[in-house]
Protein backbone atom coordinates (compact mmCIF):
# COMPACT_ATOMS: atom_id res chain seq x y z
CA MET A 1 112.69 116.44 146.69
CA SER A 2 115.93 117.13 148.55
CA THR A 3 118.91 114.81 148.79
CA ILE A 4 117.97 114.04 152.38
CA ASP A 5 114.40 113.24 151.30
CA ASN A 6 115.74 110.88 148.62
CA PHE A 7 118.05 109.12 151.08
CA GLU A 8 115.31 108.89 153.72
CA ALA A 9 112.98 107.37 151.11
CA MET A 10 115.64 104.77 150.31
CA LEU A 11 115.93 104.00 154.02
CA THR A 12 112.17 103.68 154.36
CA ALA A 13 112.16 101.32 151.36
CA GLY A 14 114.47 99.00 153.29
CA ARG A 15 117.84 99.84 151.74
CA ASP A 16 119.55 100.27 155.09
CA ASN A 17 123.34 99.97 154.77
CA ALA A 18 126.54 101.66 155.89
CA LEU A 19 126.93 103.84 152.79
CA LEU A 20 123.35 105.12 152.94
CA ARG A 21 123.70 105.92 156.65
CA PHE A 22 127.06 107.63 156.00
CA SER A 23 125.48 109.68 153.21
CA LEU A 24 122.55 110.69 155.41
CA GLY A 25 124.91 111.65 158.23
CA ASN A 26 126.96 113.75 155.86
CA GLU A 27 123.88 115.54 154.50
CA TYR A 28 122.54 116.27 158.00
CA LEU A 29 125.94 117.69 158.96
CA LYS A 30 125.81 119.99 155.93
CA ILE A 31 122.57 121.53 157.19
CA GLY A 32 123.84 121.79 160.76
CA ASP A 33 121.81 118.98 162.35
CA SER A 34 124.69 117.28 164.14
CA ALA A 35 122.44 115.21 166.42
CA LYS A 36 120.59 113.65 163.49
CA ALA A 37 123.91 113.19 161.68
CA ALA A 38 125.39 111.36 164.67
CA GLU A 39 122.35 109.07 164.81
CA HIS A 40 122.88 107.96 161.21
CA LEU A 41 126.66 107.74 161.52
CA ARG A 42 126.36 105.51 164.58
CA ARG A 43 124.23 103.19 162.47
CA ALA A 44 126.82 103.35 159.67
CA VAL A 45 129.57 102.05 161.96
CA GLU A 46 127.19 99.42 163.34
CA HIS A 47 126.68 98.16 159.79
CA ASP A 48 130.41 98.32 159.03
CA PRO A 49 132.72 98.74 162.04
CA LYS A 50 135.71 99.00 159.67
CA TYR A 51 134.36 102.10 157.86
CA SER A 52 137.04 104.62 158.86
CA ALA A 53 135.42 107.55 157.03
CA ALA A 54 132.22 106.96 159.01
CA TRP A 55 134.15 106.97 162.29
CA LYS A 56 135.78 110.26 161.31
CA LEU A 57 132.47 111.88 160.38
CA LEU A 58 130.84 110.49 163.54
CA GLY A 59 133.59 112.14 165.57
CA LYS A 60 132.90 115.43 163.80
CA ALA A 61 129.15 115.19 164.36
CA LEU A 62 129.67 114.47 168.05
CA THR A 63 132.20 117.30 168.32
CA ASP A 64 129.71 119.67 166.70
CA SER A 65 127.14 118.47 169.28
CA GLU A 66 129.70 119.14 172.02
CA SER A 67 129.48 115.49 173.09
CA TRP A 68 133.18 115.57 173.86
CA GLN A 69 133.73 112.15 175.42
CA GLU A 70 131.67 110.39 172.75
CA ALA A 71 133.56 112.27 170.04
CA LEU A 72 136.87 111.31 171.62
CA ASP A 73 135.80 107.67 171.76
CA ALA A 74 134.72 107.76 168.10
CA TYR A 75 138.01 109.29 167.00
CA ARG A 76 140.01 106.79 169.03
CA GLN A 77 138.09 103.88 167.53
CA GLY A 78 138.45 105.45 164.11
CA VAL A 79 142.23 105.61 164.51
CA VAL A 80 142.34 101.91 165.37
CA VAL A 81 140.18 101.05 162.34
CA ALA A 82 142.07 103.31 159.95
CA GLU A 83 145.45 102.00 161.07
CA ALA A 84 144.27 98.40 160.64
CA ARG A 85 143.14 99.23 157.10
CA GLY A 86 146.34 101.08 156.25
CA ASP A 87 144.50 104.40 155.92
CA LYS A 88 147.33 106.47 157.35
CA GLN A 89 145.95 109.89 156.47
CA ALA A 90 142.58 109.26 158.12
CA ALA A 91 144.32 107.84 161.20
CA LYS A 92 146.56 110.89 161.40
CA GLU A 93 143.64 113.33 161.05
CA MET A 94 141.51 111.56 163.67
CA GLY A 95 144.53 111.43 165.99
CA VAL A 96 144.88 115.20 165.72
CA PHE A 97 141.17 115.72 166.43
CA ALA A 98 141.34 113.34 169.41
CA ARG A 99 144.32 115.19 170.89
CA ARG A 100 142.48 118.50 170.58
CA ILE A 101 139.56 117.09 172.53
CA GLU A 102 141.91 115.56 175.12
CA LYS A 103 143.55 118.95 175.55
CA GLN A 104 140.17 120.65 175.89
CA LEU A 105 139.08 118.09 178.48
CA GLY A 106 142.36 118.33 180.33
CA LEU A 107 143.25 114.70 179.60
CA LYS A 108 146.75 113.43 179.08
CA SER A 109 147.34 112.19 175.52
CA ASP A 110 148.35 108.55 175.08
CA ASP A 111 151.35 109.45 172.93
């Protein structure tokens, strides 16, 4: 049984929470299924909107899916969350990723 199978079994058993959804999203990203990863990571941030690592990984999954505006929105929200939690490194990293997408989309950066 794979890690994904184990996590999916936990989900089926009713253990739905932010960490499980984050873990599933991370595992799906590892195998290149960014759409499935984004689905689980969206649920992770629904469970815990202050989960900065989940926002960052959601941004990556959406970037990998070439869902540029959604990725930008996730990174922007992630920056707000990370800054509020004092997670300066995560905020900085997501800010860099957001600016790259803004540049790609031809948007003017807020800073």
